[in-house]
Amino acid sequence: VGPRDHVVAVAELDDMAAAELGPLLRDTARVVETLC
């Protein structure tokens, strides 16, 4: 999982990207858990 914009640290994420990150990581983990 990575941001589309050039970002080198979680601390650099803007509010929108930070708000999207949690659900995206959860969904990605769900996919990985289901498949593997």
PDB file of all heavy atoms in Angstrom:
ATOM      1  N   VAL A   1       0.879  -1.165   0.000  1.00  0.00           N
ATOM      2  CA  VAL A   1       0.000   0.000   0.000  1.00  0.00           C
ATOM      3  C   VAL A   1       0.918   1.217   0.000  1.00  0.00           C
ATOM      4  O   VAL A   1       1.865   1.276   0.793  1.00  0.00           O
ATOM      5  CB  VAL A   1      -0.904   0.007   1.258  1.00  0.00           C
ATOM      6  CG1 VAL A   1      -1.700   1.298   1.340  1.00  0.00           C
ATOM      7  CG2 VAL A   1      -1.814  -1.217   1.270  1.00  0.00           C
ATOM      8  N   GLY A   2       0.646   2.146  -0.884  1.00  0.00           N
ATOM      9  CA  GLY A   2       1.463   3.353  -0.926  1.00  0.00           C
ATOM     10  C   GLY A   2       0.664   4.518  -1.457  1.00  0.00           C
ATOM     11  O   GLY A   2      -0.264   4.337  -2.240  1.00  0.00           O
ATOM     12  N   PRO A   3       1.012   5.703  -1.032  1.00  0.00           N
ATOM     13  CA  PRO A   3       0.304   6.890  -1.526  1.00  0.00           C
ATOM     14  C   PRO A   3       0.643   7.165  -2.989  1.00  0.00           C
ATOM     15  O   PRO A   3       1.737   6.835  -3.451  1.00  0.00           O
ATOM     16  CB  PRO A   3       0.819   8.003  -0.624  1.00  0.00           C
ATOM     17  CG  PRO A   3       2.137   7.530  -0.140  1.00  0.00           C
ATOM     18  CD  PRO A   3       2.060   6.032  -0.084  1.00  0.00           C
ATOM     19  N   ARG A   4      -0.314   7.742  -3.687  1.00  0.00           N
ATOM     20  CA  ARG A   4      -0.066   8.125  -5.086  1.00  0.00           C
ATOM     21  C   ARG A   4       0.911   9.296  -5.158  1.00  0.00           C
ATOM     22  O   ARG A   4       1.757   9.352  -6.035  1.00  0.00           O
ATOM     23  CB  ARG A   4      -1.376   8.502  -5.756  1.00  0.00           C
ATOM     24  CG  ARG A   4      -2.249   7.313  -6.019  1.00  0.00           C
ATOM     25  CD  ARG A   4      -3.487   7.704  -6.807  1.00  0.00           C
ATOM     26  NE  ARG A   4      -4.288   6.529  -7.047  1.00  0.00           N
ATOM     27  CZ  ARG A   4      -5.579   6.454  -6.818  1.00  0.00           C
ATOM     28  NH1 ARG A   4      -6.236   7.504  -6.379  1.00  0.00           N
ATOM     29  NH2 ARG A   4      -6.226   5.334  -7.051  1.00  0.00           N
ATOM     30  N   ASP A   5       0.758  10.239  -4.229  1.00  0.00           N
ATOM     31  CA  ASP A   5       1.666  11.385  -4.191  1.00  0.00           C
ATOM     32  C   ASP A   5       2.982  10.961  -3.567  1.00  0.00           C
ATOM     33  O   ASP A   5       3.042   9.992  -2.805  1.00  0.00           O
ATOM     34  CB  ASP A   5       1.059  12.528  -3.362  1.00  0.00           C
ATOM     35  CG  ASP A   5      -0.200  13.091  -4.006  1.00  0.00           C
ATOM     36  OD1 ASP A   5      -0.327  13.013  -5.244  1.00  0.00           O
ATOM     37  OD2 ASP A   5      -1.054  13.598  -3.255  1.00  0.00           O
ATOM     38  N   HIS A   6       4.037  11.709  -3.874  1.00  0.00           N
ATOM     39  CA  HIS A   6       5.339  11.396  -3.289  1.00  0.00           C
ATOM     40  C   HIS A   6       5.339  11.789  -1.813  1.00  0.00           C
ATOM     41  O   HIS A   6       5.272  12.973  -1.474  1.00  0.00           O
ATOM     42  CB  HIS A   6       6.469  12.112  -4.024  1.00  0.00           C
ATOM     43  CG  HIS A   6       7.804  11.819  -3.432  1.00  0.00           C
ATOM     44  ND1 HIS A   6       8.367  10.564  -3.499  1.00  0.00           N
ATOM     45  CD2 HIS A   6       8.648  12.587  -2.719  1.00  0.00           C
ATOM     46  CE1 HIS A   6       9.530  10.589  -2.860  1.00  0.00           C
ATOM     47  NE2 HIS A   6       9.718  11.808  -2.380  1.00  0.00           N
ATOM     48  N   VAL A   7       5.385  10.782  -0.968  1.00  0.00           N
ATOM     49  CA  VAL A   7       5.414  10.964   0.485  1.00  0.00           C
ATOM     50  C   VAL A   7       6.446   9.974   1.017  1.00  0.00           C
ATOM     51  O   VAL A   7       6.513   8.832   0.566  1.00  0.00           O
ATOM     52  CB  VAL A   7       4.026  10.661   1.110  1.00  0.00           C
ATOM     53  CG1 VAL A   7       4.061  10.722   2.610  1.00  0.00           C
ATOM     54  CG2 VAL A   7       2.979  11.609   0.557  1.00  0.00           C
ATOM     55  N   VAL A   8       7.254  10.399   1.982  1.00  0.00           N
ATOM     56  CA  VAL A   8       8.286   9.503   2.506  1.00  0.00           C
ATOM     57  C   VAL A   8       8.020   9.062   3.942  1.00  0.00           C
ATOM     58  O   VAL A   8       8.762   8.242   4.478  1.00  0.00           O
ATOM     59  CB  VAL A   8       9.699  10.131   2.397  1.00  0.00           C
ATOM     60  CG1 VAL A   8      10.062  10.373   0.937  1.00  0.00           C
ATOM     61  CG2 VAL A   8       9.813  11.387   3.232  1.00  0.00           C
ATOM     62  N   ALA A   9       6.962   9.589   4.570  1.00  0.00           N
ATOM     63  CA  ALA A   9       6.682   9.231   5.957  1.00  0.00           C
ATOM     64  C   ALA A   9       5.192   9.395   6.247  1.00  0.00           C
ATOM     65  O   ALA A   9       4.528  10.254   5.648  1.00  0.00           O
ATOM     66  CB  ALA A   9       7.482  10.127   6.911  1.00  0.00           C
ATOM     67  N   VAL A  10       4.682   8.592   7.153  1.00  0.00           N
ATOM     68  CA  VAL A  10       3.289   8.706   7.568  1.00  0.00           C
ATOM     69  C   VAL A  10       3.013  10.120   8.068  1.00  0.00           C
ATOM     70  O   VAL A  10       1.945  10.690   7.825  1.00  0.00           O
ATOM     71  CB  VAL A  10       2.951   7.645   8.646  1.00  0.00           C
ATOM     72  CG1 VAL A  10       1.579   7.884   9.241  1.00  0.00           C
ATOM     73  CG2 VAL A  10       3.054   6.239   8.058  1.00  0.00           C
ATOM     74  N   ALA A  11       3.984  10.715   8.742  1.00  0.00           N
ATOM     75  CA  ALA A  11       3.821  12.068   9.281  1.00  0.00           C
ATOM     76  C   ALA A  11       3.561  13.110   8.192  1.00  0.00           C
ATOM     77  O   ALA A  11       3.048  14.186   8.485  1.00  0.00           O
ATOM     78  CB  ALA A  11       5.065  12.463  10.090  1.00  0.00           C
ATOM     79  N   GLU A  12       3.880  12.807   6.951  1.00  0.00           N
ATOM     80  CA  GLU A  12       3.673  13.746   5.847  1.00  0.00           C
ATOM     81  C   GLU A  12       2.311  13.624   5.180  1.00  0.00           C
ATOM     82  O   GLU A  12       1.975  14.424   4.312  1.00  0.00           O
ATOM     83  CB  GLU A  12       4.749  13.548   4.780  1.00  0.00           C
ATOM     84  CG  GLU A  12       6.122  13.960   5.219  1.00  0.00           C
ATOM     85  CD  GLU A  12       7.143  13.819   4.105  1.00  0.00           C
ATOM     86  OE1 GLU A  12       6.787  13.404   2.983  1.00  0.00           O
ATOM     87  OE2 GLU A  12       8.312  14.137   4.370  1.00  0.00           O
ATOM     88  N   LEU A  13       1.517  12.625   5.563  1.00  0.00           N
ATOM     89  CA  LEU A  13       0.216  12.447   4.923  1.00  0.00           C
ATOM     90  C   LEU A  13      -0.708  13.618   5.246  1.00  0.00           C
ATOM     91  O   LEU A  13      -0.756  14.081   6.388  1.00  0.00           O
ATOM     92  CB  LEU A  13      -0.442  11.149   5.404  1.00  0.00           C
ATOM     93  CG  LEU A  13       0.257   9.853   5.016  1.00  0.00           C
ATOM     94  CD1 LEU A  13      -0.404   8.676   5.717  1.00  0.00           C
ATOM     95  CD2 LEU A  13       0.268   9.654   3.508  1.00  0.00           C
ATOM     96  N   ASP A  14      -1.452  14.073   4.242  1.00  0.00           N
ATOM     97  CA  ASP A  14      -2.447  15.104   4.528  1.00  0.00           C
ATOM     98  C   ASP A  14      -3.647  14.439   5.210  1.00  0.00           C
ATOM     99  O   ASP A  14      -3.710  13.212   5.330  1.00  0.00           O
ATOM    100  CB  ASP A  14      -2.839  15.877   3.267  1.00  0.00           C
ATOM    101  CG  ASP A  14      -3.539  15.037   2.206  1.00  0.00           C
ATOM    102  OD1 ASP A  14      -4.222  14.042   2.540  1.00  0.00           O
ATOM    103  OD2 ASP A  14      -3.409  15.383   1.017  1.00  0.00           O
ATOM    104  N   ASP A  15      -4.593  15.260   5.670  1.00  0.00           N
ATOM    105  CA  ASP A  15      -5.720  14.737   6.437  1.00  0.00           C
ATOM    106  C   ASP A  15      -6.533  13.713   5.646  1.00  0.00           C
ATOM    107  O   ASP A  15      -6.947  12.687   6.192  1.00  0.00           O
ATOM    108  CB  ASP A  15      -6.629  15.872   6.909  1.00  0.00           C
ATOM    109  CG  ASP A  15      -5.979  16.718   7.987  1.00  0.00           C
ATOM    110  OD1 ASP A  15      -4.968  16.277   8.585  1.00  0.00           O
ATOM    111  OD2 ASP A  15      -6.480  17.829   8.242  1.00  0.00           O
ATOM    112  N   MET A  16      -6.754  13.977   4.378  1.00  0.00           N
ATOM    113  CA  MET A  16      -7.552  13.062   3.566  1.00  0.00           C
ATOM    114  C   MET A  16      -6.835  11.717   3.403  1.00  0.00           C
ATOM    115  O   MET A  16      -7.435  10.658   3.564  1.00  0.00           O
ATOM    116  CB  MET A  16      -7.871  13.651   2.196  1.00  0.00           C
ATOM    117  CG  MET A  16      -8.759  12.725   1.363  1.00  0.00           C
ATOM    118  SD  MET A  16      -9.155  13.380  -0.258  1.00  0.00           S
ATOM    119  CE  MET A  16     -10.219  14.730   0.219  1.00  0.00           C
ATOM    120  N   ALA A  17      -5.557  11.758   3.089  1.00  0.00           N
ATOM    121  CA  ALA A  17      -4.797  10.517   2.919  1.00  0.00           C
ATOM    122  C   ALA A  17      -4.729   9.738   4.231  1.00  0.00           C
ATOM    123  O   ALA A  17      -4.861   8.514   4.239  1.00  0.00           O
ATOM    124  CB  ALA A  17      -3.394  10.826   2.408  1.00  0.00           C
ATOM    125  N   ALA A  18      -4.550  10.434   5.326  1.00  0.00           N
ATOM    126  CA  ALA A  18      -4.500   9.769   6.637  1.00  0.00           C
ATOM    127  C   ALA A  18      -5.835   9.107   6.963  1.00  0.00           C
ATOM    128  O   ALA A  18      -5.880   7.987   7.476  1.00  0.00           O
ATOM    129  CB  ALA A  18      -4.118  10.772   7.722  1.00  0.00           C
ATOM    130  N   ALA A  19      -6.943   9.784   6.643  1.00  0.00           N
ATOM    131  CA  ALA A  19      -8.270   9.233   6.906  1.00  0.00           C
ATOM    132  C   ALA A  19      -8.549   8.004   6.039  1.00  0.00           C
ATOM    133  O   ALA A  19      -9.255   7.084   6.459  1.00  0.00           O
ATOM    134  CB  ALA A  19      -9.342  10.290   6.670  1.00  0.00           C
ATOM    135  N   GLU A  20      -7.982   7.958   4.842  1.00  0.00           N
ATOM    136  CA  GLU A  20      -8.177   6.822   3.937  1.00  0.00           C
ATOM    137  C   GLU A  20      -7.281   5.637   4.294  1.00  0.00           C
ATOM    138  O   GLU A  20      -7.602   4.497   3.983  1.00  0.00           O
ATOM    139  CB  GLU A  20      -7.882   7.246   2.496  1.00  0.00           C
ATOM    140  CG  GLU A  20      -8.874   8.223   1.932  1.00  0.00           C
ATOM    141  CD  GLU A  20      -8.473   8.760   0.564  1.00  0.00           C
ATOM    142  OE1 GLU A  20      -7.317   8.526   0.126  1.00  0.00           O
ATOM    143  OE2 GLU A  20      -9.306   9.421  -0.064  1.00  0.00           O
ATOM    144  N   LEU A  21      -6.167   5.899   4.950  1.00  0.00           N
ATOM    145  CA  LEU A  21      -5.171   4.854   5.192  1.00  0.00           C
ATOM    146  C   LEU A  21      -5.683   3.717   6.074  1.00  0.00           C
ATOM    147  O   LEU A  21      -5.497   2.541   5.746  1.00  0.00           O
ATOM    148  CB  LEU A  21      -3.904   5.458   5.795  1.00  0.00           C
ATOM    149  CG  LEU A  21      -2.751   4.485   6.012  1.00  0.00           C
ATOM    150  CD1 LEU A  21      -2.314   3.840   4.703  1.00  0.00           C
ATOM    151  CD2 LEU A  21      -1.583   5.204   6.676  1.00  0.00           C
ATOM    152  N   GLY A  22      -6.328   4.043   7.182  1.00  0.00           N
ATOM    153  CA  GLY A  22      -6.798   2.993   8.096  1.00  0.00           C
ATOM    154  C   GLY A  22      -7.730   2.003   7.428  1.00  0.00           C
ATOM    155  O   GLY A  22      -7.479   0.788   7.445  1.00  0.00           O
ATOM    156  N   PRO A  23      -8.821   2.465   6.810  1.00  0.00           N
ATOM    157  CA  PRO A  23      -9.720   1.530   6.126  1.00  0.00           C
ATOM    158  C   PRO A  23      -9.035   0.761   4.988  1.00  0.00           C
ATOM    159  O   PRO A  23      -9.311  -0.423   4.782  1.00  0.00           O
ATOM    160  CB  PRO A  23     -10.836   2.430   5.592  1.00  0.00           C
ATOM    161  CG  PRO A  23     -10.851   3.594   6.534  1.00  0.00           C
ATOM    162  CD  PRO A  23      -9.393   3.811   6.890  1.00  0.00           C
ATOM    163  N   LEU A  24      -8.121   1.427   4.271  1.00  0.00           N
ATOM    164  CA  LEU A  24      -7.420   0.744   3.188  1.00  0.00           C
ATOM    165  C   LEU A  24      -6.524  -0.377   3.721  1.00  0.00           C
ATOM    166  O   LEU A  24      -6.501  -1.484   3.173  1.00  0.00           O
ATOM    167  CB  LEU A  24      -6.586   1.739   2.373  1.00  0.00           C
ATOM    168  CG  LEU A  24      -5.773   1.138   1.226  1.00  0.00           C
ATOM    169  CD1 LEU A  24      -6.668   0.403   0.233  1.00  0.00           C
ATOM    170  CD2 LEU A  24      -4.973   2.233   0.538  1.00  0.00           C
ATOM    171  N   LEU A  25      -5.800  -0.114   4.803  1.00  0.00           N
ATOM    172  CA  LEU A  25      -4.966  -1.159   5.407  1.00  0.00           C
ATOM    173  C   LEU A  25      -5.824  -2.301   5.934  1.00  0.00           C
ATOM    174  O   LEU A  25      -5.488  -3.476   5.772  1.00  0.00           O
ATOM    175  CB  LEU A  25      -4.097  -0.582   6.517  1.00  0.00           C
ATOM    176  CG  LEU A  25      -2.946   0.306   6.057  1.00  0.00           C
ATOM    177  CD1 LEU A  25      -2.244   0.917   7.261  1.00  0.00           C
ATOM    178  CD2 LEU A  25      -1.970  -0.458   5.176  1.00  0.00           C
ATOM    179  N   ARG A  26      -6.956  -1.965   6.572  1.00  0.00           N
ATOM    180  CA  ARG A  26      -7.866  -3.002   7.062  1.00  0.00           C
ATOM    181  C   ARG A  26      -8.360  -3.872   5.905  1.00  0.00           C
ATOM    182  O   ARG A  26      -8.321  -5.095   5.978  1.00  0.00           O
ATOM    183  CB  ARG A  26      -9.059  -2.357   7.777  1.00  0.00           C
ATOM    184  CG  ARG A  26     -10.080  -3.386   8.275  1.00  0.00           C
ATOM    185  CD  ARG A  26     -11.454  -2.802   8.486  1.00  0.00           C
ATOM    186  NE  ARG A  26     -11.927  -2.180   7.269  1.00  0.00           N
ATOM    187  CZ  ARG A  26     -12.675  -1.079   7.248  1.00  0.00           C
ATOM    188  NH1 ARG A  26     -13.027  -0.483   8.367  1.00  0.00           N
ATOM    189  NH2 ARG A  26     -13.076  -0.577   6.098  1.00  0.00           N
ATOM    190  N   ASP A  27      -8.814  -3.238   4.834  1.00  0.00           N
ATOM    191  CA  ASP A  27      -9.335  -3.998   3.697  1.00  0.00           C
ATOM    192  C   ASP A  27      -8.249  -4.839   3.040  1.00  0.00           C
ATOM    193  O   ASP A  27      -8.484  -5.986   2.638  1.00  0.00           O
ATOM    194  CB  ASP A  27      -9.973  -3.055   2.676  1.00  0.00           C
ATOM    195  CG  ASP A  27     -11.238  -2.394   3.191  1.00  0.00           C
ATOM    196  OD1 ASP A  27     -11.770  -2.818   4.245  1.00  0.00           O
ATOM    197  OD2 ASP A  27     -11.700  -1.423   2.540  1.00  0.00           O
ATOM    198  N   THR A  28      -7.049  -4.291   2.940  1.00  0.00           N
ATOM    199  CA  THR A  28      -5.931  -5.046   2.361  1.00  0.00           C
ATOM    200  C   THR A  28      -5.605  -6.253   3.231  1.00  0.00           C
ATOM    201  O   THR A  28      -5.394  -7.359   2.724  1.00  0.00           O
ATOM    202  CB  THR A  28      -4.704  -4.139   2.188  1.00  0.00           C
ATOM    203  OG1 THR A  28      -5.071  -3.007   1.389  1.00  0.00           O
ATOM    204  CG2 THR A  28      -3.555  -4.880   1.524  1.00  0.00           C
ATOM    205  N   ALA A  29      -5.584  -6.067   4.541  1.00  0.00           N
ATOM    206  CA  ALA A  29      -5.334  -7.191   5.448  1.00  0.00           C
ATOM    207  C   ALA A  29      -6.438  -8.229   5.330  1.00  0.00           C
ATOM    208  O   ALA A  29      -6.165  -9.441   5.376  1.00  0.00           O
ATOM    209  CB  ALA A  29      -5.206  -6.689   6.885  1.00  0.00           C
ATOM    210  N   ARG A  30      -7.673  -7.804   5.163  1.00  0.00           N
ATOM    211  CA  ARG A  30      -8.783  -8.757   4.986  1.00  0.00           C
ATOM    212  C   ARG A  30      -8.602  -9.579   3.724  1.00  0.00           C
ATOM    213  O   ARG A  30      -8.839 -10.787   3.715  1.00  0.00           O
ATOM    214  CB  ARG A  30     -10.119  -8.016   4.939  1.00  0.00           C
ATOM    215  CG  ARG A  30     -10.577  -7.525   6.285  1.00  0.00           C
ATOM    216  CD  ARG A  30     -11.881  -6.760   6.175  1.00  0.00           C
ATOM    217  NE  ARG A  30     -12.359  -6.385   7.505  1.00  0.00           N
ATOM    218  CZ  ARG A  30     -13.325  -5.526   7.723  1.00  0.00           C
ATOM    219  NH1 ARG A  30     -13.942  -4.935   6.705  1.00  0.00           N
ATOM    220  NH2 ARG A  30     -13.696  -5.237   8.955  1.00  0.00           N
ATOM    221  N   VAL A  31      -8.179  -8.935   2.647  1.00  0.00           N
ATOM    222  CA  VAL A  31      -7.935  -9.656   1.398  1.00  0.00           C
ATOM    223  C   VAL A  31      -6.812 -10.675   1.592  1.00  0.00           C
ATOM    224  O   VAL A  31      -6.933 -11.844   1.212  1.00  0.00           O
ATOM    225  CB  VAL A  31      -7.607  -8.668   0.248  1.00  0.00           C
ATOM    226  CG1 VAL A  31      -7.044  -9.393  -0.963  1.00  0.00           C
ATOM    227  CG2 VAL A  31      -8.860  -7.867  -0.123  1.00  0.00           C
ATOM    228  N   VAL A  32      -5.714 -10.248   2.189  1.00  0.00           N
ATOM    229  CA  VAL A  32      -4.572 -11.139   2.433  1.00  0.00           C
ATOM    230  C   VAL A  32      -4.990 -12.311   3.319  1.00  0.00           C
ATOM    231  O   VAL A  32      -4.659 -13.465   3.048  1.00  0.00           O
ATOM    232  CB  VAL A  32      -3.394 -10.356   3.051  1.00  0.00           C
ATOM    233  CG1 VAL A  32      -2.342 -11.279   3.637  1.00  0.00           C
ATOM    234  CG2 VAL A  32      -2.774  -9.441   2.007  1.00  0.00           C
ATOM    235  N   GLU A  33      -5.737 -12.019   4.377  1.00  0.00           N
ATOM    236  CA  GLU A  33      -6.175 -13.084   5.293  1.00  0.00           C
ATOM    237  C   GLU A  33      -7.094 -14.074   4.577  1.00  0.00           C
ATOM    238  O   GLU A  33      -6.990 -15.280   4.770  1.00  0.00           O
ATOM    239  CB  GLU A  33      -6.884 -12.483   6.508  1.00  0.00           C
ATOM    240  CG  GLU A  33      -5.989 -11.611   7.352  1.00  0.00           C
ATOM    241  CD  GLU A  33      -5.546 -12.253   8.644  1.00  0.00           C
ATOM    242  OE1 GLU A  33      -6.193 -13.201   9.107  1.00  0.00           O
ATOM    243  OE2 GLU A  33      -4.523 -11.791   9.193  1.00  0.00           O
ATOM    244  N   THR A  34      -7.985 -13.579   3.748  1.00  0.00           N
ATOM    245  CA  THR A  34      -8.905 -14.449   3.025  1.00  0.00           C
ATOM    246  C   THR A  34      -8.166 -15.337   2.037  1.00  0.00           C
ATOM    247  O   THR A  34      -8.441 -16.536   1.947  1.00  0.00           O
ATOM    248  CB  THR A  34      -9.973 -13.603   2.292  1.00  0.00           C
ATOM    249  OG1 THR A  34     -10.714 -12.861   3.262  1.00  0.00           O
ATOM    250  CG2 THR A  34     -10.911 -14.469   1.484  1.00  0.00           C
ATOM    251  N   LEU A  35      -7.236 -14.760   1.302  1.00  0.00           N
ATOM    252  CA  LEU A  35      -6.534 -15.522   0.267  1.00  0.00           C
ATOM    253  C   LEU A  35      -5.480 -16.475   0.815  1.00  0.00           C
ATOM    254  O   LEU A  35      -5.250 -17.538   0.254  1.00  0.00           O
ATOM    255  CB  LEU A  35      -5.877 -14.569  -0.734  1.00  0.00           C
ATOM    256  CG  LEU A  35      -6.825 -13.754  -1.596  1.00  0.00           C
ATOM    257  CD1 LEU A  35      -6.038 -12.814  -2.486  1.00  0.00           C
ATOM    258  CD2 LEU A  35      -7.714 -14.666  -2.434  1.00  0.00           C
ATOM    259  N   CYS A  36      -4.822 -16.097   1.897  1.00  0.00           N
ATOM    260  CA  CYS A  36      -3.645 -16.848   2.352  1.00  0.00           C
ATOM    261  C   CYS A  36      -3.856 -17.623   3.645  1.00  0.00           C
ATOM    262  O   CYS A  36      -3.063 -18.507   3.952  1.00  0.00           O
ATOM    263  CB  CYS A  36      -2.461 -15.902   2.515  1.00  0.00           C
ATOM    264  SG  CYS A  36      -2.046 -15.023   1.000  1.00  0.00           S
TER     265      CYS A  36
END
